[in-house]
Amino acid sequence: MIIALGGLPFTGKSTLARALAEAMPGVLLDKAALRKVLFPTLVTAPPELNDWLYEGVLKAASWNLDTAPGTVVVLDGRPLTRYRDVLSLRRFASSLDHALYIVECVCPGEVAVARSAAAGAPDPLLSVQNADTDQIPEPKVVVDTSQPLEQCVSAALNAVSGRAAPQDEDSAPGQNGPPYRYPPSPSSSTVPGRCGGPDAIPCPRGLRRSTR
């Protein structure tokens, strides 16, 4: 099983990924952590380096899933806010014959701004307005990370295991205002706490499953 975290900046992806990996338990593969180990003095990674690191994370995922049946990989690699990245990840999971669950982290805008300020980072709302991004498509699990961490972990685990109760899209996921995420498209059917399996499509270039 692969659980991939996605969402806008400062929505709590890395925090939830670490907590999920500990709770499952699972193998946490964190692209940002890998970058800090390999390039400790690098402040901002160019796109080419990000792609290289991400491919390395996926190869590590493939190795773990191939050599230890039953392993759960928790992937904190890309925000998945580009549709092509979601399709590529679905192809990857399908090529390994493993289920993929995408967990989208959301939170009220003021929570994301407060988190970025605490980290000394620019206002994430401004960066999102200037970014070329897409809404994360279904199927996915939506978790409001303004809630206590234990509650977020429980919601994600229940959804992945198929025990989540349906919720109304109109119900507010946060207590401090509207969720900080992309507005749903007219065809979207996002239901927080619900998920499904990946599309069965070919594996992306360079990430074929090794033969044993």
N, C-alpha and C. Protein backbone atom coordinates (compact mmCIF):
# COMPACT_ATOMS: atom_id res chain seq x y z
N MET A 1 0.84 -1.20 0.00
CA MET A 1 0.00 0.00 0.00
C MET A 1 0.88 1.24 0.00
N ILE A 2 0.46 2.24 -0.78
CA ILE A 2 1.14 3.53 -0.81
C ILE A 2 0.15 4.60 -0.35
N ILE A 3 0.55 5.38 0.64
CA ILE A 3 -0.23 6.52 1.09
C ILE A 3 0.57 7.76 0.75
N ALA A 4 0.04 8.60 -0.14
CA ALA A 4 0.75 9.79 -0.60
C ALA A 4 0.06 11.03 -0.06
N LEU A 5 0.85 11.91 0.55
CA LEU A 5 0.31 13.16 1.09
C LEU A 5 0.38 14.25 0.03
N GLY A 6 -0.70 15.05 -0.08
CA GLY A 6 -0.73 16.16 -1.01
C GLY A 6 -1.42 17.36 -0.38
N GLY A 7 -1.29 18.50 -1.04
CA GLY A 7 -1.94 19.70 -0.53
C GLY A 7 -1.08 20.93 -0.72
N LEU A 8 -1.67 22.07 -0.42
CA LEU A 8 -0.99 23.36 -0.59
C LEU A 8 0.09 23.55 0.47
N PRO A 9 0.94 24.58 0.30
CA PRO A 9 2.00 24.81 1.29
C PRO A 9 1.44 25.08 2.68
N PHE A 10 2.11 24.51 3.67
CA PHE A 10 1.80 24.71 5.09
C PHE A 10 0.41 24.21 5.48
N THR A 11 -0.04 23.17 4.80
CA THR A 11 -1.28 22.52 5.23
C THR A 11 -1.01 21.31 6.11
N GLY A 12 0.24 21.09 6.49
CA GLY A 12 0.55 20.03 7.44
C GLY A 12 0.86 18.68 6.84
N LYS A 13 1.30 18.64 5.58
CA LYS A 13 1.56 17.36 4.91
C LYS A 13 2.65 16.56 5.62
N SER A 14 3.77 17.19 5.90
CA SER A 14 4.90 16.46 6.49
C SER A 14 4.60 16.00 7.91
N THR A 15 3.92 16.85 8.67
CA THR A 15 3.56 16.47 10.04
C THR A 15 2.64 15.25 10.04
N LEU A 16 1.63 15.27 9.18
CA LEU A 16 0.71 14.14 9.11
C LEU A 16 1.39 12.91 8.55
N ALA A 17 2.29 13.07 7.58
CA ALA A 17 3.00 11.93 7.01
C ALA A 17 3.81 11.21 8.08
N ARG A 18 4.53 11.97 8.90
CA ARG A 18 5.32 11.35 9.97
C ARG A 18 4.42 10.60 10.96
N ALA A 19 3.31 11.22 11.31
CA ALA A 19 2.40 10.60 12.27
C ALA A 19 1.75 9.35 11.69
N LEU A 20 1.39 9.37 10.42
CA LEU A 20 0.79 8.20 9.78
C LEU A 20 1.79 7.06 9.70
N ALA A 21 3.04 7.38 9.33
CA ALA A 21 4.05 6.33 9.23
C ALA A 21 4.28 5.66 10.57
N GLU A 22 4.22 6.42 11.63
CA GLU A 22 4.40 5.85 12.97
C GLU A 22 3.18 5.03 13.38
N ALA A 23 1.99 5.49 13.01
CA ALA A 23 0.76 4.81 13.44
C ALA A 23 0.49 3.53 12.67
N MET A 24 0.90 3.46 11.39
CA MET A 24 0.50 2.31 10.57
C MET A 24 0.96 0.95 11.11
N PRO A 25 2.27 0.68 11.35
CA PRO A 25 3.44 1.49 11.04
C PRO A 25 3.81 1.33 9.56
N GLY A 26 4.60 2.28 9.07
CA GLY A 26 5.00 2.26 7.67
C GLY A 26 6.36 2.89 7.47
N VAL A 27 6.82 2.82 6.23
CA VAL A 27 8.11 3.41 5.84
C VAL A 27 7.84 4.82 5.32
N LEU A 28 8.40 5.81 5.97
CA LEU A 28 8.24 7.20 5.55
C LEU A 28 9.33 7.56 4.55
N LEU A 29 8.93 7.99 3.37
CA LEU A 29 9.87 8.46 2.35
C LEU A 29 9.59 9.93 2.10
N ASP A 30 10.51 10.77 2.54
CA ASP A 30 10.33 12.21 2.57
C ASP A 30 11.36 12.86 1.65
N LYS A 31 10.89 13.46 0.56
CA LYS A 31 11.81 14.07 -0.39
C LYS A 31 12.57 15.24 0.22
N ALA A 32 11.91 16.05 1.04
CA ALA A 32 12.58 17.20 1.65
C ALA A 32 13.67 16.74 2.61
N ALA A 33 13.41 15.67 3.36
CA ALA A 33 14.43 15.14 4.26
C ALA A 33 15.62 14.60 3.49
N LEU A 34 15.35 13.94 2.36
CA LEU A 34 16.42 13.42 1.52
C LEU A 34 17.27 14.56 0.97
N ARG A 35 16.62 15.65 0.56
CA ARG A 35 17.37 16.80 0.05
C ARG A 35 18.29 17.39 1.12
N LYS A 36 17.81 17.45 2.35
CA LYS A 36 18.62 18.02 3.43
C LYS A 36 19.84 17.16 3.72
N VAL A 37 19.69 15.83 3.55
CA VAL A 37 20.82 14.94 3.79
C VAL A 37 21.84 15.04 2.67
N LEU A 38 21.37 15.06 1.43
CA LEU A 38 22.28 15.05 0.28
C LEU A 38 22.84 16.43 -0.04
N PHE A 39 22.04 17.47 0.20
CA PHE A 39 22.45 18.83 -0.15
C PHE A 39 22.16 19.76 1.03
N PRO A 40 22.90 19.62 2.12
CA PRO A 40 22.57 20.35 3.36
C PRO A 40 22.68 21.86 3.27
N THR A 41 23.46 22.37 2.32
CA THR A 41 23.64 23.82 2.21
C THR A 41 22.71 24.45 1.19
N LEU A 42 21.93 23.63 0.51
CA LEU A 42 21.07 24.15 -0.56
C LEU A 42 19.80 24.75 0.05
N VAL A 43 19.54 26.01 -0.28
CA VAL A 43 18.36 26.68 0.25
C VAL A 43 17.14 26.38 -0.60
N THR A 44 17.25 26.56 -1.90
CA THR A 44 16.15 26.31 -2.82
C THR A 44 16.61 25.36 -3.91
N ALA A 45 15.88 24.28 -4.11
CA ALA A 45 16.24 23.29 -5.12
C ALA A 45 15.63 23.64 -6.46
N PRO A 46 16.42 23.63 -7.55
CA PRO A 46 15.85 23.86 -8.88
C PRO A 46 14.93 22.72 -9.27
N PRO A 47 14.03 22.95 -10.24
CA PRO A 47 13.08 21.89 -10.63
C PRO A 47 13.75 20.59 -11.03
N GLU A 48 14.89 20.68 -11.73
CA GLU A 48 15.57 19.46 -12.18
C GLU A 48 16.02 18.61 -10.99
N LEU A 49 16.51 19.26 -9.95
CA LEU A 49 16.95 18.53 -8.77
C LEU A 49 15.76 17.94 -8.02
N ASN A 50 14.67 18.70 -7.94
CA ASN A 50 13.46 18.16 -7.30
C ASN A 50 12.97 16.91 -8.01
N ASP A 51 12.99 16.93 -9.34
CA ASP A 51 12.56 15.77 -10.11
C ASP A 51 13.48 14.58 -9.84
N TRP A 52 14.78 14.83 -9.78
CA TRP A 52 15.75 13.77 -9.52
C TRP A 52 15.55 13.16 -8.14
N LEU A 53 15.32 14.00 -7.15
CA LEU A 53 15.09 13.52 -5.80
C LEU A 53 13.79 12.71 -5.71
N TYR A 54 12.77 13.19 -6.40
CA TYR A 54 11.48 12.51 -6.36
C TYR A 54 11.57 11.13 -7.01
N GLU A 55 12.30 11.04 -8.12
CA GLU A 55 12.48 9.74 -8.76
C GLU A 55 13.22 8.80 -7.83
N GLY A 56 14.20 9.33 -7.08
CA GLY A 56 14.89 8.50 -6.11
C GLY A 56 13.98 8.00 -5.01
N VAL A 57 13.07 8.86 -4.55
CA VAL A 57 12.10 8.46 -3.53
C VAL A 57 11.18 7.36 -4.06
N LEU A 58 10.75 7.49 -5.31
CA LEU A 58 9.87 6.46 -5.88
C LEU A 58 10.62 5.14 -6.06
N LYS A 59 11.89 5.20 -6.43
CA LYS A 59 12.67 3.96 -6.55
C LYS A 59 12.83 3.30 -5.18
N ALA A 60 13.01 4.12 -4.15
CA ALA A 60 13.09 3.57 -2.79
C ALA A 60 11.76 2.94 -2.39
N ALA A 61 10.66 3.56 -2.79
CA ALA A 61 9.34 2.98 -2.52
C ALA A 61 9.19 1.63 -3.22
N SER A 62 9.60 1.58 -4.48
CA SER A 62 9.51 0.34 -5.24
C SER A 62 10.32 -0.77 -4.59
N TRP A 63 11.53 -0.44 -4.14
CA TRP A 63 12.39 -1.44 -3.50
C TRP A 63 11.75 -1.96 -2.22
N ASN A 64 11.24 -1.06 -1.39
CA ASN A 64 10.62 -1.47 -0.13
C ASN A 64 9.40 -2.36 -0.36
N LEU A 65 8.57 -1.99 -1.32
CA LEU A 65 7.36 -2.76 -1.59
C LEU A 65 7.68 -4.10 -2.24
N ASP A 66 8.76 -4.13 -3.02
CA ASP A 66 9.15 -5.35 -3.74
C ASP A 66 9.80 -6.36 -2.81
N THR A 67 10.58 -5.90 -1.87
CA THR A 67 11.38 -6.81 -1.04
C THR A 67 10.69 -7.19 0.26
N ALA A 68 9.69 -6.45 0.67
CA ALA A 68 8.99 -6.74 1.93
C ALA A 68 7.48 -6.69 1.71
N PRO A 69 6.88 -7.79 1.27
CA PRO A 69 5.43 -7.82 1.04
C PRO A 69 4.67 -7.37 2.29
N GLY A 70 3.63 -6.58 2.07
CA GLY A 70 2.84 -6.07 3.18
C GLY A 70 3.31 -4.73 3.72
N THR A 71 4.42 -4.23 3.17
CA THR A 71 4.93 -2.93 3.61
C THR A 71 3.96 -1.81 3.24
N VAL A 72 3.81 -0.85 4.13
CA VAL A 72 3.08 0.38 3.84
C VAL A 72 4.08 1.50 3.65
N VAL A 73 4.04 2.15 2.52
CA VAL A 73 4.92 3.29 2.24
C VAL A 73 4.12 4.57 2.36
N VAL A 74 4.59 5.48 3.20
CA VAL A 74 3.99 6.80 3.32
C VAL A 74 4.88 7.76 2.56
N LEU A 75 4.33 8.37 1.52
CA LEU A 75 5.11 9.15 0.58
C LEU A 75 4.84 10.65 0.76
N ASP A 76 5.88 11.38 1.12
CA ASP A 76 5.81 12.84 1.22
C ASP A 76 6.79 13.39 0.20
N GLY A 77 6.34 13.40 -1.07
CA GLY A 77 7.26 13.73 -2.14
C GLY A 77 6.89 14.97 -2.93
N ARG A 78 5.65 15.04 -3.41
CA ARG A 78 5.17 16.18 -4.17
C ARG A 78 3.85 16.66 -3.58
N PRO A 79 3.50 17.94 -3.78
CA PRO A 79 2.20 18.41 -3.28
C PRO A 79 1.02 17.83 -4.05
N LEU A 80 1.29 17.25 -5.23
CA LEU A 80 0.25 16.64 -6.08
C LEU A 80 -0.78 17.67 -6.53
N THR A 81 -0.36 18.91 -6.65
CA THR A 81 -1.26 19.97 -7.10
C THR A 81 -1.12 20.22 -8.60
N ARG A 82 -0.50 19.29 -9.29
CA ARG A 82 -0.51 19.26 -10.75
C ARG A 82 -1.09 17.92 -11.17
N TYR A 83 -2.06 17.98 -12.04
CA TYR A 83 -2.79 16.77 -12.41
C TYR A 83 -1.85 15.70 -12.98
N ARG A 84 -0.84 16.15 -13.74
CA ARG A 84 0.08 15.18 -14.33
C ARG A 84 0.87 14.42 -13.26
N ASP A 85 1.14 15.06 -12.13
CA ASP A 85 1.86 14.37 -11.05
C ASP A 85 0.99 13.28 -10.43
N VAL A 86 -0.31 13.54 -10.32
CA VAL A 86 -1.22 12.53 -9.78
C VAL A 86 -1.32 11.35 -10.74
N LEU A 87 -1.44 11.61 -12.03
CA LEU A 87 -1.50 10.54 -13.02
C LEU A 87 -0.24 9.70 -13.00
N SER A 88 0.92 10.35 -12.91
CA SER A 88 2.19 9.64 -12.88
C SER A 88 2.28 8.75 -11.65
N LEU A 89 1.82 9.25 -10.50
CA LEU A 89 1.86 8.45 -9.28
C LEU A 89 0.91 7.26 -9.37
N ARG A 90 -0.24 7.46 -9.99
CA ARG A 90 -1.18 6.35 -10.17
C ARG A 90 -0.57 5.28 -11.07
N ARG A 91 0.11 5.70 -12.12
CA ARG A 91 0.78 4.74 -13.00
C ARG A 91 1.83 3.94 -12.24
N PHE A 92 2.58 4.66 -11.41
CA PHE A 92 3.63 4.02 -10.62
C PHE A 92 3.04 2.96 -9.69
N ALA A 93 2.00 3.31 -8.94
CA ALA A 93 1.38 2.36 -8.02
C ALA A 93 0.79 1.18 -8.78
N SER A 94 0.18 1.45 -9.92
CA SER A 94 -0.42 0.38 -10.71
C SER A 94 0.64 -0.58 -11.23
N SER A 95 1.79 -0.06 -11.62
CA SER A 95 2.86 -0.91 -12.13
C SER A 95 3.39 -1.86 -11.06
N LEU A 96 3.28 -1.46 -9.81
CA LEU A 96 3.73 -2.31 -8.70
C LEU A 96 2.60 -3.19 -8.16
N ASP A 97 1.39 -2.99 -8.69
CA ASP A 97 0.21 -3.72 -8.24
C ASP A 97 -0.06 -3.47 -6.76
N HIS A 98 0.06 -2.19 -6.37
CA HIS A 98 -0.22 -1.79 -4.99
C HIS A 98 -1.29 -0.72 -4.98
N ALA A 99 -2.12 -0.75 -3.95
CA ALA A 99 -3.16 0.27 -3.78
C ALA A 99 -2.52 1.61 -3.47
N LEU A 100 -3.12 2.67 -4.01
CA LEU A 100 -2.66 4.04 -3.76
C LEU A 100 -3.79 4.82 -3.10
N TYR A 101 -3.48 5.46 -2.00
CA TYR A 101 -4.42 6.36 -1.33
C TYR A 101 -3.77 7.73 -1.25
N ILE A 102 -4.44 8.73 -1.80
CA ILE A 102 -3.95 10.11 -1.73
C ILE A 102 -4.68 10.81 -0.61
N VAL A 103 -3.92 11.36 0.31
CA VAL A 103 -4.47 12.11 1.44
C VAL A 103 -4.20 13.60 1.18
N GLU A 104 -5.25 14.34 0.94
CA GLU A 104 -5.11 15.78 0.72
C GLU A 104 -5.26 16.51 2.06
N CYS A 105 -4.24 17.26 2.42
CA CYS A 105 -4.28 18.06 3.65
C CYS A 105 -4.87 19.43 3.33
N VAL A 106 -5.85 19.86 4.12
CA VAL A 106 -6.44 21.18 3.98
C VAL A 106 -6.48 21.83 5.35
N CYS A 107 -6.60 23.15 5.36
CA CYS A 107 -6.77 23.89 6.62
C CYS A 107 -7.24 25.29 6.27
N PRO A 108 -7.81 26.01 7.24
CA PRO A 108 -8.18 27.41 6.98
C PRO A 108 -6.95 28.23 6.60
N GLY A 109 -7.17 29.25 5.76
CA GLY A 109 -6.06 30.07 5.28
C GLY A 109 -5.26 30.70 6.40
N GLU A 110 -5.95 31.16 7.45
CA GLU A 110 -5.22 31.82 8.53
C GLU A 110 -4.31 30.86 9.28
N VAL A 111 -4.67 29.58 9.29
CA VAL A 111 -3.81 28.59 9.94
C VAL A 111 -2.53 28.40 9.13
N ALA A 112 -2.68 28.31 7.80
CA ALA A 112 -1.50 28.16 6.94
C ALA A 112 -0.58 29.38 7.04
N VAL A 113 -1.18 30.57 7.10
CA VAL A 113 -0.39 31.80 7.21
C VAL A 113 0.38 31.81 8.53
N ALA A 114 -0.27 31.41 9.62
CA ALA A 114 0.39 31.38 10.93
C ALA A 114 1.53 30.37 10.93
N ARG A 115 1.34 29.24 10.30
CA ARG A 115 2.41 28.23 10.23
C ARG A 115 3.59 28.74 9.43
N SER A 116 3.32 29.40 8.31
CA SER A 116 4.41 29.92 7.49
C SER A 116 5.17 31.02 8.22
N ALA A 117 4.45 31.87 8.95
CA ALA A 117 5.10 32.93 9.71
C ALA A 117 6.00 32.35 10.79
N ALA A 118 5.54 31.29 11.45
CA ALA A 118 6.35 30.65 12.48
C ALA A 118 7.62 30.04 11.90
N ALA A 119 7.55 29.63 10.64
CA ALA A 119 8.71 29.04 9.98
C ALA A 119 9.57 30.09 9.27
N GLY A 120 9.14 31.34 9.32
CA GLY A 120 9.88 32.40 8.64
C GLY A 120 9.79 32.32 7.13
N ALA A 121 8.69 31.78 6.63
CA ALA A 121 8.50 31.61 5.19
C ALA A 121 7.53 32.66 4.66
N PRO A 122 7.55 32.90 3.33
CA PRO A 122 6.61 33.86 2.75
C PRO A 122 5.17 33.43 2.91
N ASP A 123 4.26 34.38 2.76
CA ASP A 123 2.82 34.11 2.86
C ASP A 123 2.44 33.06 1.81
N PRO A 124 1.95 31.89 2.23
CA PRO A 124 1.62 30.84 1.25
C PRO A 124 0.45 31.21 0.35
N LEU A 125 -0.44 32.07 0.82
CA LEU A 125 -1.58 32.45 0.00
C LEU A 125 -1.12 33.20 -1.25
N LEU A 126 -0.08 34.02 -1.11
CA LEU A 126 0.44 34.76 -2.26
C LEU A 126 1.11 33.82 -3.25
N SER A 127 1.85 32.84 -2.74
CA SER A 127 2.54 31.92 -3.64
C SER A 127 1.54 31.06 -4.41
N VAL A 128 0.43 30.71 -3.77
CA VAL A 128 -0.58 29.89 -4.44
C VAL A 128 -1.26 30.67 -5.55
N GLN A 129 -1.50 31.96 -5.32
CA GLN A 129 -2.16 32.78 -6.33
C GLN A 129 -1.34 32.88 -7.60
N ASN A 130 -0.01 32.79 -7.48
CA ASN A 130 0.87 32.92 -8.64
C ASN A 130 1.34 31.57 -9.19
N ALA A 131 0.84 30.49 -8.63
CA ALA A 131 1.32 29.17 -9.02
C ALA A 131 0.43 28.55 -10.09
N ASP A 132 1.05 27.68 -10.89
CA ASP A 132 0.34 26.92 -11.91
C ASP A 132 -0.08 25.59 -11.27
N THR A 133 -1.30 25.54 -10.73
CA THR A 133 -1.72 24.39 -9.96
C THR A 133 -3.10 23.91 -10.38
N ASP A 134 -3.39 22.67 -10.00
CA ASP A 134 -4.69 22.07 -10.27
C ASP A 134 -5.26 21.54 -8.96
N GLN A 135 -6.56 21.37 -8.93
CA GLN A 135 -7.18 20.69 -7.80
C GLN A 135 -6.79 19.22 -7.82
N ILE A 136 -6.50 18.66 -6.67
CA ILE A 136 -6.18 17.24 -6.60
C ILE A 136 -7.44 16.45 -6.95
N PRO A 137 -7.37 15.59 -7.97
CA PRO A 137 -8.59 14.90 -8.41
C PRO A 137 -8.96 13.73 -7.50
N GLU A 138 -10.20 13.33 -7.61
CA GLU A 138 -10.67 12.10 -6.96
C GLU A 138 -10.02 10.90 -7.64
N PRO A 139 -9.91 9.77 -6.91
CA PRO A 139 -10.28 9.53 -5.51
C PRO A 139 -9.20 10.03 -4.55
N LYS A 140 -9.63 10.48 -3.38
CA LYS A 140 -8.69 10.99 -2.39
C LYS A 140 -9.38 11.01 -1.03
N VAL A 141 -8.55 11.14 0.00
CA VAL A 141 -9.02 11.35 1.36
C VAL A 141 -8.70 12.79 1.72
N VAL A 142 -9.66 13.52 2.27
CA VAL A 142 -9.44 14.91 2.65
C VAL A 142 -9.40 15.01 4.17
N VAL A 143 -8.31 15.59 4.69
CA VAL A 143 -8.13 15.70 6.14
C VAL A 143 -7.86 17.17 6.49
N ASP A 144 -8.63 17.69 7.41
CA ASP A 144 -8.46 19.06 7.89
C ASP A 144 -7.42 19.07 9.00
N THR A 145 -6.24 19.60 8.71
CA THR A 145 -5.15 19.54 9.67
C THR A 145 -5.18 20.65 10.71
N SER A 146 -6.24 21.47 10.72
CA SER A 146 -6.39 22.42 11.82
C SER A 146 -6.93 21.71 13.06
N GLN A 147 -7.39 20.48 12.88
CA GLN A 147 -7.84 19.67 14.00
C GLN A 147 -6.64 19.05 14.72
N PRO A 148 -6.81 18.55 15.93
CA PRO A 148 -5.69 17.91 16.64
C PRO A 148 -5.08 16.78 15.81
N LEU A 149 -3.77 16.61 15.96
CA LEU A 149 -3.06 15.64 15.14
C LEU A 149 -3.62 14.22 15.30
N GLU A 150 -3.94 13.82 16.51
CA GLU A 150 -4.49 12.49 16.73
C GLU A 150 -5.79 12.29 15.95
N GLN A 151 -6.60 13.34 15.89
CA GLN A 151 -7.86 13.26 15.15
C GLN A 151 -7.59 13.16 13.65
N CYS A 152 -6.58 13.87 13.16
CA CYS A 152 -6.22 13.81 11.74
C CYS A 152 -5.74 12.41 11.37
N VAL A 153 -4.89 11.84 12.21
CA VAL A 153 -4.38 10.50 11.95
C VAL A 153 -5.53 9.49 11.95
N SER A 154 -6.42 9.61 12.90
CA SER A 154 -7.56 8.69 12.98
C SER A 154 -8.44 8.80 11.75
N ALA A 155 -8.70 10.02 11.29
CA ALA A 155 -9.54 10.22 10.10
C ALA A 155 -8.90 9.58 8.88
N ALA A 156 -7.59 9.78 8.72
CA ALA A 156 -6.90 9.21 7.56
C ALA A 156 -6.88 7.69 7.62
N LEU A 157 -6.59 7.14 8.79
CA LEU A 157 -6.53 5.68 8.93
C LEU A 157 -7.90 5.05 8.71
N ASN A 158 -8.93 5.67 9.24
CA ASN A 158 -10.28 5.13 9.06
C ASN A 158 -10.69 5.14 7.59
N ALA A 159 -10.33 6.21 6.89
CA ALA A 159 -10.69 6.30 5.47
C ALA A 159 -9.94 5.26 4.65
N VAL A 160 -8.65 5.11 4.93
CA VAL A 160 -7.84 4.14 4.19
C VAL A 160 -8.32 2.72 4.43
N SER A 161 -8.78 2.44 5.65
CA SER A 161 -9.24 1.09 5.98
C SER A 161 -10.70 0.88 5.61
N GLY A 162 -11.36 1.93 5.07
CA GLY A 162 -12.73 1.78 4.60
C GLY A 162 -13.78 1.92 5.67
N ARG A 163 -13.39 2.49 6.82
CA ARG A 163 -14.35 2.61 7.91
C ARG A 163 -14.90 4.02 8.05
N ALA A 164 -14.55 4.92 7.12
CA ALA A 164 -14.97 6.32 7.28
C ALA A 164 -16.44 6.47 6.97
N ALA A 165 -17.11 7.33 7.72
CA ALA A 165 -18.51 7.65 7.45
C ALA A 165 -18.57 8.80 6.47
N PRO A 166 -19.49 8.79 5.49
CA PRO A 166 -19.61 9.89 4.55
C PRO A 166 -19.95 11.19 5.26
N GLN A 167 -19.42 12.29 4.71
CA GLN A 167 -19.70 13.61 5.24
C GLN A 167 -20.22 14.50 4.12
N ASP A 168 -20.96 15.50 4.50
CA ASP A 168 -21.45 16.46 3.52
C ASP A 168 -20.33 17.37 3.09
N GLU A 169 -20.25 17.64 1.78
CA GLU A 169 -19.26 18.60 1.28
C GLU A 169 -19.53 19.99 1.84
N ASP A 170 -20.81 20.28 2.17
CA ASP A 170 -21.15 21.61 2.66
C ASP A 170 -20.72 21.82 4.11
N SER A 171 -20.43 20.74 4.84
CA SER A 171 -20.02 20.90 6.22
C SER A 171 -18.62 21.46 6.28
N ALA A 172 -18.38 22.44 7.13
CA ALA A 172 -17.08 23.11 7.20
C ALA A 172 -16.06 22.20 7.85
N PRO A 173 -14.92 21.90 7.18
CA PRO A 173 -13.94 21.01 7.75
C PRO A 173 -13.12 21.66 8.85
N GLY A 174 -13.11 22.98 8.94
CA GLY A 174 -12.29 23.66 9.94
C GLY A 174 -13.14 24.51 10.85
N GLN A 175 -12.56 24.88 11.99
CA GLN A 175 -13.30 25.69 12.94
C GLN A 175 -12.99 27.17 12.78
N ASN A 176 -11.99 27.49 12.00
CA ASN A 176 -11.52 28.88 11.93
C ASN A 176 -11.77 29.53 10.58
N GLY A 177 -12.68 29.00 9.79
CA GLY A 177 -12.95 29.61 8.51
C GLY A 177 -12.96 28.57 7.41
N PRO A 178 -13.10 29.01 6.15
CA PRO A 178 -13.17 28.07 5.03
C PRO A 178 -11.84 27.37 4.82
N PRO A 179 -11.86 26.16 4.25
CA PRO A 179 -10.62 25.42 4.07
C PRO A 179 -9.72 26.10 3.05
N TYR A 180 -8.43 26.01 3.30
CA TYR A 180 -7.41 26.57 2.41
C TYR A 180 -7.08 25.51 1.38
N ARG A 181 -7.85 25.50 0.29
CA ARG A 181 -7.64 24.55 -0.80
C ARG A 181 -8.32 25.12 -2.03
N TYR A 182 -8.16 24.43 -3.13
CA TYR A 182 -8.72 24.92 -4.38
C TYR A 182 -10.22 24.71 -4.41
N PRO A 183 -10.98 25.64 -4.98
CA PRO A 183 -12.44 25.44 -5.08
C PRO A 183 -12.74 24.26 -5.98
N PRO A 184 -13.75 23.46 -5.64
CA PRO A 184 -14.05 22.29 -6.46
C PRO A 184 -14.55 22.69 -7.84
N SER A 185 -14.15 21.91 -8.82
CA SER A 185 -14.65 22.14 -10.16
C SER A 185 -16.09 21.66 -10.23
N PRO A 186 -16.85 22.08 -11.27
CA PRO A 186 -18.26 21.66 -11.36
C PRO A 186 -18.45 20.16 -11.38
N SER A 187 -17.44 19.42 -11.87
CA SER A 187 -17.58 17.97 -11.96
C SER A 187 -17.03 17.25 -10.75
N SER A 188 -16.49 18.00 -9.79
CA SER A 188 -15.85 17.36 -8.64
C SER A 188 -16.88 16.76 -7.71
N SER A 189 -16.52 15.66 -7.09
CA SER A 189 -17.39 15.02 -6.10
C SER A 189 -16.61 14.73 -4.83
N THR A 190 -15.78 15.67 -4.39
CA THR A 190 -14.94 15.47 -3.22
C THR A 190 -15.78 15.23 -1.99
N VAL A 191 -15.48 14.16 -1.28
CA VAL A 191 -16.16 13.85 -0.02
C VAL A 191 -15.09 13.63 1.02
N PRO A 192 -14.92 14.54 1.99
CA PRO A 192 -13.89 14.35 3.00
C PRO A 192 -14.05 13.01 3.70
N GLY A 193 -12.91 12.31 3.86
CA GLY A 193 -12.93 11.04 4.56
C GLY A 193 -13.24 9.84 3.71
N ARG A 194 -13.38 10.02 2.39
CA ARG A 194 -13.66 8.88 1.54
C ARG A 194 -12.57 8.78 0.49
N CYS A 195 -12.35 7.57 -0.02
CA CYS A 195 -11.27 7.38 -0.97
C CYS A 195 -11.57 6.17 -1.83
N GLY A 196 -10.66 5.92 -2.78
CA GLY A 196 -10.79 4.77 -3.65
C GLY A 196 -9.44 4.37 -4.19
N GLY A 197 -9.41 3.38 -5.11
CA GLY A 197 -8.15 2.88 -5.63
C GLY A 197 -7.69 3.64 -6.84
N PRO A 198 -6.48 3.34 -7.32
CA PRO A 198 -5.88 4.05 -8.45
C PRO A 198 -6.40 3.56 -9.79
N ASP A 199 -6.17 4.35 -10.81
CA ASP A 199 -6.46 3.91 -12.16
C ASP A 199 -5.40 2.91 -12.60
N ALA A 200 -5.80 1.93 -13.38
CA ALA A 200 -4.85 0.95 -13.88
C ALA A 200 -4.29 1.43 -15.21
N ILE A 201 -3.15 2.09 -15.17
CA ILE A 201 -2.50 2.61 -16.36
C ILE A 201 -1.01 2.35 -16.27
N PRO A 202 -0.25 2.41 -17.38
CA PRO A 202 1.13 1.96 -17.39
C PRO A 202 2.05 2.75 -16.48
N CYS A 203 3.19 2.14 -16.17
CA CYS A 203 4.20 2.76 -15.31
C CYS A 203 4.95 3.86 -16.05
N PRO A 204 5.32 4.97 -15.35
CA PRO A 204 6.08 6.02 -16.01
C PRO A 204 7.49 5.59 -16.35
N ARG A 205 8.13 6.33 -17.23
CA ARG A 205 9.48 6.04 -17.70
C ARG A 205 10.45 5.93 -16.53
N GLY A 206 11.30 4.89 -16.58
CA GLY A 206 12.36 4.74 -15.61
C GLY A 206 11.95 4.16 -14.28
N LEU A 207 10.68 3.74 -14.13
CA LEU A 207 10.22 3.25 -12.84
C LEU A 207 9.52 1.90 -12.98
N ARG A 208 10.01 1.06 -13.90
CA ARG A 208 9.43 -0.27 -14.07
C ARG A 208 9.79 -1.14 -12.88
N ARG A 209 8.92 -2.05 -12.59
CA ARG A 209 9.18 -2.96 -11.48
C ARG A 209 10.30 -3.90 -11.84
N SER A 210 11.23 -4.11 -10.93
CA SER A 210 12.34 -5.01 -11.19
C SER A 210 11.85 -6.46 -11.09
N THR A 211 12.50 -7.34 -11.85
CA THR A 211 12.16 -8.76 -11.80
C THR A 211 13.04 -9.44 -10.77
N ARG A 212 12.47 -10.41 -10.09
CA ARG A 212 13.22 -11.11 -9.04
C ARG A 212 13.51 -12.54 -9.45
